[in-house]
Amino acid sequence: MPSVQDRVVAVTARVLQLDESEIKLEQNFSADLGAESVQSIELVANFEEEFGIEMEEDAALSVDTVASAVEFITKVCEEQGVAV
């Protein structure tokens, strides 16, 4: 099974129409990867679908880097009893 990091990168690449190899953990979704506000909401929805979780929207939208998204999603999965 792919890691949380691999799955976050795959979803990010799909939503932002980027190549997975272009996405680095330290990159900021908006400043570095070009995500606009609509795409940020789309990312949250796609992460929820990918991991089978519910995220508090404001908290999820405050996550700004790929690495922090991996940490945030891992924490939410643990809190909601979703195996990762």
PDB file of N, CA and C in Angstrom:
ATOM      1  N   MET A   1       0.849  -1.194   0.000  1.00  0.00           N
ATOM      2  CA  MET A   1       0.000   0.000   0.000  1.00  0.00           C
ATOM      3  C   MET A   1       0.886   1.247   0.000  1.00  0.00           C
ATOM      4  N   PRO A   2       0.574   2.224  -0.847  1.00  0.00           N
ATOM      5  CA  PRO A   2       1.392   3.445  -0.884  1.00  0.00           C
ATOM      6  C   PRO A   2       1.332   4.196   0.446  1.00  0.00           C
ATOM      7  N   SER A   3       2.396   4.916   0.761  1.00  0.00           N
ATOM      8  CA  SER A   3       2.450   5.691   2.003  1.00  0.00           C
ATOM      9  C   SER A   3       1.520   6.900   1.915  1.00  0.00           C
ATOM     10  N   VAL A   4       1.272   7.504   3.074  1.00  0.00           N
ATOM     11  CA  VAL A   4       0.473   8.735   3.112  1.00  0.00           C
ATOM     12  C   VAL A   4       1.125   9.776   2.209  1.00  0.00           C
ATOM     13  N   GLN A   5       2.439   9.893   2.314  1.00  0.00           N
ATOM     14  CA  GLN A   5       3.165  10.872   1.491  1.00  0.00           C
ATOM     15  C   GLN A   5       2.947  10.616  -0.001  1.00  0.00           C
ATOM     16  N   ASP A   6       3.075   9.368  -0.425  1.00  0.00           N
ATOM     17  CA  ASP A   6       2.879   9.038  -1.844  1.00  0.00           C
ATOM     18  C   ASP A   6       1.466   9.378  -2.302  1.00  0.00           C
ATOM     19  N   ARG A   7       0.495   9.096  -1.444  1.00  0.00           N
ATOM     20  CA  ARG A   7      -0.900   9.355  -1.798  1.00  0.00           C
ATOM     21  C   ARG A   7      -1.192  10.853  -1.845  1.00  0.00           C
ATOM     22  N   VAL A   8      -0.611  11.620  -0.912  1.00  0.00           N
ATOM     23  CA  VAL A   8      -0.783  13.081  -0.916  1.00  0.00           C
ATOM     24  C   VAL A   8      -0.176  13.665  -2.192  1.00  0.00           C
ATOM     25  N   VAL A   9       1.013  13.202  -2.553  1.00  0.00           N
ATOM     26  CA  VAL A   9       1.670  13.692  -3.772  1.00  0.00           C
ATOM     27  C   VAL A   9       0.840  13.334  -5.002  1.00  0.00           C
ATOM     28  N   ALA A  10       0.310  12.110  -5.049  1.00  0.00           N
ATOM     29  CA  ALA A  10      -0.489  11.674  -6.206  1.00  0.00           C
ATOM     30  C   ALA A  10      -1.750  12.522  -6.358  1.00  0.00           C
ATOM     31  N   VAL A  11      -2.450  12.781  -5.258  1.00  0.00           N
ATOM     32  CA  VAL A  11      -3.669  13.604  -5.301  1.00  0.00           C
ATOM     33  C   VAL A  11      -3.322  15.034  -5.707  1.00  0.00           C
ATOM     34  N   THR A  12      -2.249  15.575  -5.128  1.00  0.00           N
ATOM     35  CA  THR A  12      -1.820  16.934  -5.448  1.00  0.00           C
ATOM     36  C   THR A  12      -1.500  17.048  -6.934  1.00  0.00           C
ATOM     37  N   ALA A  13      -0.779  16.075  -7.465  1.00  0.00           N
ATOM     38  CA  ALA A  13      -0.408  16.081  -8.884  1.00  0.00           C
ATOM     39  C   ALA A  13      -1.654  16.040  -9.763  1.00  0.00           C
ATOM     40  N   ARG A  14      -2.613  15.204  -9.380  1.00  0.00           N
ATOM     41  CA  ARG A  14      -3.841  15.067 -10.177  1.00  0.00           C
ATOM     42  C   ARG A  14      -4.658  16.356 -10.163  1.00  0.00           C
ATOM     43  N   VAL A  15      -4.861  16.932  -8.991  1.00  0.00           N
ATOM     44  CA  VAL A  15      -5.698  18.131  -8.872  1.00  0.00           C
ATOM     45  C   VAL A  15      -5.029  19.337  -9.533  1.00  0.00           C
ATOM     46  N   LEU A  16      -3.721  19.482  -9.348  1.00  0.00           N
ATOM     47  CA  LEU A  16      -3.026  20.660  -9.867  1.00  0.00           C
ATOM     48  C   LEU A  16      -2.430  20.417 -11.253  1.00  0.00           C
ATOM     49  N   GLN A  17      -2.666  19.232 -11.790  1.00  0.00           N
ATOM     50  CA  GLN A  17      -2.185  18.861 -13.122  1.00  0.00           C
ATOM     51  C   GLN A  17      -0.677  19.067 -13.256  1.00  0.00           C
ATOM     52  N   LEU A  18       0.040  18.459 -12.312  1.00  0.00           N
ATOM     53  CA  LEU A  18       1.493  18.493 -12.293  1.00  0.00           C
ATOM     54  C   LEU A  18       2.021  17.070 -12.378  1.00  0.00           C
ATOM     55  N   ASP A  19       3.296  16.940 -12.695  1.00  0.00           N
ATOM     56  CA  ASP A  19       3.944  15.636 -12.654  1.00  0.00           C
ATOM     57  C   ASP A  19       4.349  15.367 -11.204  1.00  0.00           C
ATOM     58  N   GLU A  20       4.134  14.144 -10.727  1.00  0.00           N
ATOM     59  CA  GLU A  20       4.466  13.825  -9.336  1.00  0.00           C
ATOM     60  C   GLU A  20       5.918  14.139  -9.000  1.00  0.00           C
ATOM     61  N   SER A  21       6.811  13.977  -9.965  1.00  0.00           N
ATOM     62  CA  SER A  21       8.239  14.214  -9.717  1.00  0.00           C
ATOM     63  C   SER A  21       8.546  15.692  -9.451  1.00  0.00           C
ATOM     64  N   GLU A  22       7.626  16.583  -9.807  1.00  0.00           N
ATOM     65  CA  GLU A  22       7.826  18.023  -9.594  1.00  0.00           C
ATOM     66  C   GLU A  22       7.456  18.446  -8.176  1.00  0.00           C
ATOM     67  N   ILE A  23       6.787  17.576  -7.427  1.00  0.00           N
ATOM     68  CA  ILE A  23       6.241  17.951  -6.125  1.00  0.00           C
ATOM     69  C   ILE A  23       7.201  17.527  -5.015  1.00  0.00           C
ATOM     70  N   LYS A  24       7.624  18.504  -4.217  1.00  0.00           N
ATOM     71  CA  LYS A  24       8.552  18.266  -3.107  1.00  0.00           C
ATOM     72  C   LYS A  24       7.847  18.573  -1.790  1.00  0.00           C
ATOM     73  N   LEU A  25       8.270  17.877  -0.730  1.00  0.00           N
ATOM     74  CA  LEU A  25       7.623  18.023   0.574  1.00  0.00           C
ATOM     75  C   LEU A  25       7.615  19.452   1.099  1.00  0.00           C
ATOM     76  N   GLU A  26       8.688  20.192   0.846  1.00  0.00           N
ATOM     77  CA  GLU A  26       8.790  21.537   1.419  1.00  0.00           C
ATOM     78  C   GLU A  26       8.000  22.582   0.642  1.00  0.00           C
ATOM     79  N   GLN A  27       7.423  22.197  -0.489  1.00  0.00           N
ATOM     80  CA  GLN A  27       6.727  23.180  -1.322  1.00  0.00           C
ATOM     81  C   GLN A  27       5.392  23.619  -0.729  1.00  0.00           C
ATOM     82  N   ASN A  28       5.118  24.903  -0.949  1.00  0.00           N
ATOM     83  CA  ASN A  28       3.863  25.507  -0.522  1.00  0.00           C
ATOM     84  C   ASN A  28       2.840  25.303  -1.642  1.00  0.00           C
ATOM     85  N   PHE A  29       1.619  24.897  -1.269  1.00  0.00           N
ATOM     86  CA  PHE A  29       0.593  24.613  -2.282  1.00  0.00           C
ATOM     87  C   PHE A  29       0.320  25.813  -3.189  1.00  0.00           C
ATOM     88  N   SER A  30       0.182  27.004  -2.619  1.00  0.00           N
ATOM     89  CA  SER A  30      -0.148  28.160  -3.462  1.00  0.00           C
ATOM     90  C   SER A  30       1.099  28.821  -4.045  1.00  0.00           C
ATOM     91  N   ALA A  31       2.080  29.145  -3.205  1.00  0.00           N
ATOM     92  CA  ALA A  31       3.252  29.888  -3.675  1.00  0.00           C
ATOM     93  C   ALA A  31       4.112  29.079  -4.643  1.00  0.00           C
ATOM     94  N   ASP A  32       4.342  27.802  -4.335  1.00  0.00           N
ATOM     95  CA  ASP A  32       5.250  26.988  -5.150  1.00  0.00           C
ATOM     96  C   ASP A  32       4.541  26.150  -6.215  1.00  0.00           C
ATOM     97  N   LEU A  33       3.349  25.671  -5.891  1.00  0.00           N
ATOM     98  CA  LEU A  33       2.661  24.749  -6.804  1.00  0.00           C
ATOM     99  C   LEU A  33       1.520  25.414  -7.577  1.00  0.00           C
ATOM    100  N   GLY A  34       1.228  26.670  -7.253  1.00  0.00           N
ATOM    101  CA  GLY A  34       0.249  27.425  -8.029  1.00  0.00           C
ATOM    102  C   GLY A  34      -1.207  27.144  -7.731  1.00  0.00           C
ATOM    103  N   ALA A  35      -1.490  26.551  -6.573  1.00  0.00           N
ATOM    104  CA  ALA A  35      -2.890  26.261  -6.226  1.00  0.00           C
ATOM    105  C   ALA A  35      -3.641  27.552  -5.951  1.00  0.00           C
ATOM    106  N   GLU A  36      -4.786  27.708  -6.595  1.00  0.00           N
ATOM    107  CA  GLU A  36      -5.661  28.844  -6.320  1.00  0.00           C
ATOM    108  C   GLU A  36      -6.684  28.399  -5.284  1.00  0.00           C
ATOM    109  N   SER A  37      -7.472  29.328  -4.769  1.00  0.00           N
ATOM    110  CA  SER A  37      -8.385  28.992  -3.672  1.00  0.00           C
ATOM    111  C   SER A  37      -9.359  27.873  -4.036  1.00  0.00           C
ATOM    112  N   VAL A  38      -9.869  27.884  -5.247  1.00  0.00           N
ATOM    113  CA  VAL A  38     -10.795  26.824  -5.669  1.00  0.00           C
ATOM    114  C   VAL A  38     -10.076  25.478  -5.682  1.00  0.00           C
ATOM    115  N   GLN A  39      -8.835  25.485  -6.134  1.00  0.00           N
ATOM    116  CA  GLN A  39      -8.063  24.239  -6.165  1.00  0.00           C
ATOM    117  C   GLN A  39      -7.727  23.763  -4.755  1.00  0.00           C
ATOM    118  N   SER A  40      -7.537  24.682  -3.829  1.00  0.00           N
ATOM    119  CA  SER A  40      -7.269  24.297  -2.446  1.00  0.00           C
ATOM    120  C   SER A  40      -8.465  23.539  -1.877  1.00  0.00           C
ATOM    121  N   ILE A  41      -9.665  24.022  -2.162  1.00  0.00           N
ATOM    122  CA  ILE A  41     -10.884  23.344  -1.703  1.00  0.00           C
ATOM    123  C   ILE A  41     -11.002  21.976  -2.389  1.00  0.00           C
ATOM    124  N   GLU A  42     -10.644  21.938  -3.664  1.00  0.00           N
ATOM    125  CA  GLU A  42     -10.660  20.683  -4.415  1.00  0.00           C
ATOM    126  C   GLU A  42      -9.658  19.689  -3.822  1.00  0.00           C
ATOM    127  N   LEU A  43      -8.492  20.187  -3.419  1.00  0.00           N
ATOM    128  CA  LEU A  43      -7.488  19.320  -2.782  1.00  0.00           C
ATOM    129  C   LEU A  43      -8.046  18.710  -1.503  1.00  0.00           C
ATOM    130  N   VAL A  44      -8.669  19.538  -0.666  1.00  0.00           N
ATOM    131  CA  VAL A  44      -9.243  19.037   0.592  1.00  0.00           C
ATOM    132  C   VAL A  44     -10.265  17.937   0.297  1.00  0.00           C
ATOM    133  N   ALA A  45     -11.160  18.185  -0.648  1.00  0.00           N
ATOM    134  CA  ALA A  45     -12.188  17.196  -0.996  1.00  0.00           C
ATOM    135  C   ALA A  45     -11.558  15.903  -1.516  1.00  0.00           C
ATOM    136  N   ASN A  46     -10.524  16.033  -2.334  1.00  0.00           N
ATOM    137  CA  ASN A  46      -9.860  14.852  -2.882  1.00  0.00           C
ATOM    138  C   ASN A  46      -9.083  14.094  -1.820  1.00  0.00           C
ATOM    139  N   PHE A  47      -8.469  14.803  -0.876  1.00  0.00           N
ATOM    140  CA  PHE A  47      -7.775  14.127   0.232  1.00  0.00           C
ATOM    141  C   PHE A  47      -8.786  13.363   1.089  1.00  0.00           C
ATOM    142  N   GLU A  48      -9.945  13.981   1.356  1.00  0.00           N
ATOM    143  CA  GLU A  48     -10.977  13.302   2.142  1.00  0.00           C
ATOM    144  C   GLU A  48     -11.423  12.022   1.445  1.00  0.00           C
ATOM    145  N   GLU A  49     -11.630  12.105   0.146  1.00  0.00           N
ATOM    146  CA  GLU A  49     -12.063  10.950  -0.625  1.00  0.00           C
ATOM    147  C   GLU A  49     -10.979   9.872  -0.668  1.00  0.00           C
ATOM    148  N   GLU A  50      -9.744  10.276  -0.899  1.00  0.00           N
ATOM    149  CA  GLU A  50      -8.617   9.342  -0.997  1.00  0.00           C
ATOM    150  C   GLU A  50      -8.428   8.553   0.295  1.00  0.00           C
ATOM    151  N   PHE A  51      -8.560   9.254   1.437  1.00  0.00           N
ATOM    152  CA  PHE A  51      -8.268   8.623   2.720  1.00  0.00           C
ATOM    153  C   PHE A  51      -9.518   8.175   3.479  1.00  0.00           C
ATOM    154  N   GLY A  52     -10.694   8.517   2.979  1.00  0.00           N
ATOM    155  CA  GLY A  52     -11.927   8.128   3.665  1.00  0.00           C
ATOM    156  C   GLY A  52     -12.093   8.815   5.007  1.00  0.00           C
ATOM    157  N   ILE A  53     -11.756  10.104   5.038  1.00  0.00           N
ATOM    158  CA  ILE A  53     -11.819  10.876   6.286  1.00  0.00           C
ATOM    159  C   ILE A  53     -12.641  12.140   6.077  1.00  0.00           C
ATOM    160  N   GLU A  54     -12.977  12.774   7.204  1.00  0.00           N
ATOM    161  CA  GLU A  54     -13.627  14.091   7.187  1.00  0.00           C
ATOM    162  C   GLU A  54     -12.663  15.063   7.848  1.00  0.00           C
ATOM    163  N   MET A  55     -12.354  16.161   7.163  1.00  0.00           N
ATOM    164  CA  MET A  55     -11.458  17.166   7.731  1.00  0.00           C
ATOM    165  C   MET A  55     -12.228  18.448   7.990  1.00  0.00           C
ATOM    166  N   GLU A  56     -11.897  19.113   9.095  1.00  0.00           N
ATOM    167  CA  GLU A  56     -12.476  20.425   9.385  1.00  0.00           C
ATOM    168  C   GLU A  56     -11.925  21.377   8.332  1.00  0.00           C
ATOM    169  N   GLU A  57     -12.798  21.990   7.558  1.00  0.00           N
ATOM    170  CA  GLU A  57     -12.368  22.734   6.365  1.00  0.00           C
ATOM    171  C   GLU A  57     -11.381  23.856   6.664  1.00  0.00           C
ATOM    172  N   ASP A  58     -11.650  24.684   7.681  1.00  0.00           N
ATOM    173  CA  ASP A  58     -10.737  25.795   7.970  1.00  0.00           C
ATOM    174  C   ASP A  58      -9.353  25.287   8.362  1.00  0.00           C
ATOM    175  N   ALA A  59      -9.321  24.243   9.184  1.00  0.00           N
ATOM    176  CA  ALA A  59      -8.038  23.667   9.598  1.00  0.00           C
ATOM    177  C   ALA A  59      -7.312  23.079   8.392  1.00  0.00           C
ATOM    178  N   ALA A  60      -8.050  22.377   7.542  1.00  0.00           N
ATOM    179  CA  ALA A  60      -7.441  21.761   6.364  1.00  0.00           C
ATOM    180  C   ALA A  60      -6.912  22.820   5.404  1.00  0.00           C
ATOM    181  N   LEU A  61      -7.647  23.903   5.231  1.00  0.00           N
ATOM    182  CA  LEU A  61      -7.223  24.959   4.310  1.00  0.00           C
ATOM    183  C   LEU A  61      -6.048  25.777   4.857  1.00  0.00           C
ATOM    184  N   SER A  62      -5.792  25.685   6.162  1.00  0.00           N
ATOM    185  CA  SER A  62      -4.652  26.414   6.733  1.00  0.00           C
ATOM    186  C   SER A  62      -3.345  25.639   6.546  1.00  0.00           C
ATOM    187  N   VAL A  63      -3.429  24.393   6.122  1.00  0.00           N
ATOM    188  CA  VAL A  63      -2.234  23.600   5.842  1.00  0.00           C
ATOM    189  C   VAL A  63      -1.616  24.138   4.560  1.00  0.00           C
ATOM    190  N   ASP A  64      -0.342  24.540   4.635  1.00  0.00           N
ATOM    191  CA  ASP A  64       0.213  25.237   3.475  1.00  0.00           C
ATOM    192  C   ASP A  64       1.295  24.501   2.696  1.00  0.00           C
ATOM    193  N   THR A  65       1.915  23.476   3.281  1.00  0.00           N
ATOM    194  CA  THR A  65       2.957  22.754   2.539  1.00  0.00           C
ATOM    195  C   THR A  65       2.573  21.289   2.367  1.00  0.00           C
ATOM    196  N   VAL A  66       3.241  20.647   1.441  1.00  0.00           N
ATOM    197  CA  VAL A  66       2.983  19.227   1.187  1.00  0.00           C
ATOM    198  C   VAL A  66       3.310  18.421   2.446  1.00  0.00           C
ATOM    199  N   ALA A  67       4.438  18.722   3.083  1.00  0.00           N
ATOM    200  CA  ALA A  67       4.834  17.999   4.297  1.00  0.00           C
ATOM    201  C   ALA A  67       3.807  18.172   5.410  1.00  0.00           C
ATOM    202  N   SER A  68       3.307  19.391   5.597  1.00  0.00           N
ATOM    203  CA  SER A  68       2.320  19.606   6.662  1.00  0.00           C
ATOM    204  C   SER A  68       0.994  18.930   6.327  1.00  0.00           C
ATOM    205  N   ALA A  69       0.690  18.780   5.040  1.00  0.00           N
ATOM    206  CA  ALA A  69      -0.516  18.041   4.652  1.00  0.00           C
ATOM    207  C   ALA A  69      -0.377  16.566   5.021  1.00  0.00           C
ATOM    208  N   VAL A  70       0.804  16.011   4.797  1.00  0.00           N
ATOM    209  CA  VAL A  70       1.057  14.611   5.160  1.00  0.00           C
ATOM    210  C   VAL A  70       0.861  14.424   6.668  1.00  0.00           C
ATOM    211  N   GLU A  71       1.431  15.330   7.466  1.00  0.00           N
ATOM    212  CA  GLU A  71       1.300  15.259   8.922  1.00  0.00           C
ATOM    213  C   GLU A  71      -0.155  15.422   9.351  1.00  0.00           C
ATOM    214  N   PHE A  72      -0.838  16.416   8.788  1.00  0.00           N
ATOM    215  CA  PHE A  72      -2.221  16.708   9.151  1.00  0.00           C
ATOM    216  C   PHE A  72      -3.127  15.522   8.821  1.00  0.00           C
ATOM    217  N   ILE A  73      -2.984  14.976   7.628  1.00  0.00           N
ATOM    218  CA  ILE A  73      -3.824  13.858   7.197  1.00  0.00           C
ATOM    219  C   ILE A  73      -3.536  12.618   8.035  1.00  0.00           C
ATOM    220  N   THR A  74      -2.268  12.375   8.347  1.00  0.00           N
ATOM    221  CA  THR A  74      -1.912  11.235   9.201  1.00  0.00           C
ATOM    222  C   THR A  74      -2.591  11.361  10.557  1.00  0.00           C
ATOM    223  N   LYS A  75      -2.567  12.577  11.137  1.00  0.00           N
ATOM    224  CA  LYS A  75      -3.187  12.826  12.443  1.00  0.00           C
ATOM    225  C   LYS A  75      -4.706  12.613  12.373  1.00  0.00           C
ATOM    226  N   VAL A  76      -5.342  13.145  11.326  1.00  0.00           N
ATOM    227  CA  VAL A  76      -6.798  12.997  11.180  1.00  0.00           C
ATOM    228  C   VAL A  76      -7.159  11.513  11.012  1.00  0.00           C
ATOM    229  N   CYS A  77      -6.379  10.795  10.236  1.00  0.00           N
ATOM    230  CA  CYS A  77      -6.638   9.354  10.048  1.00  0.00           C
ATOM    231  C   CYS A  77      -6.556   8.624  11.385  1.00  0.00           C
ATOM    232  N   GLU A  78      -5.529   8.935  12.195  1.00  0.00           N
ATOM    233  CA  GLU A  78      -5.390   8.309  13.509  1.00  0.00           C
ATOM    234  C   GLU A  78      -6.582   8.642  14.396  1.00  0.00           C
ATOM    235  N   GLU A  79      -6.988   9.921  14.403  1.00  0.00           N
ATOM    236  CA  GLU A  79      -8.114  10.360  15.228  1.00  0.00           C
ATOM    237  C   GLU A  79      -9.417   9.668  14.812  1.00  0.00           C
ATOM    238  N   GLN A  80      -9.563   9.398  13.523  1.00  0.00           N
ATOM    239  CA  GLN A  80     -10.815   8.826  13.019  1.00  0.00           C
ATOM    240  C   GLN A  80     -10.734   7.303  12.850  1.00  0.00           C
ATOM    241  N   GLY A  81      -9.617   6.722  13.299  1.00  0.00           N
ATOM    242  CA  GLY A  81      -9.472   5.266  13.259  1.00  0.00           C
ATOM    243  C   GLY A  81      -9.318   4.705  11.864  1.00  0.00           C
ATOM    244  N   VAL A  82      -8.741   5.485  10.951  1.00  0.00           N
ATOM    245  CA  VAL A  82      -8.534   5.044   9.577  1.00  0.00           C
ATOM    246  C   VAL A  82      -7.093   4.564   9.447  1.00  0.00           C
ATOM    247  N   ALA A  83      -6.913   3.333   9.024  1.00  0.00           N
ATOM    248  CA  ALA A  83      -5.565   2.778   8.861  1.00  0.00           C
ATOM    249  C   ALA A  83      -4.873   3.448   7.688  1.00  0.00           C
ATOM    250  N   VAL A  84      -3.591   3.803   7.890  1.00  0.00           N
ATOM    251  CA  VAL A  84      -2.812   4.391   6.795  1.00  0.00           C
ATOM    252  C   VAL A  84      -1.533   3.603   6.550  1.00  0.00           C
TER     253      VAL A  84
END
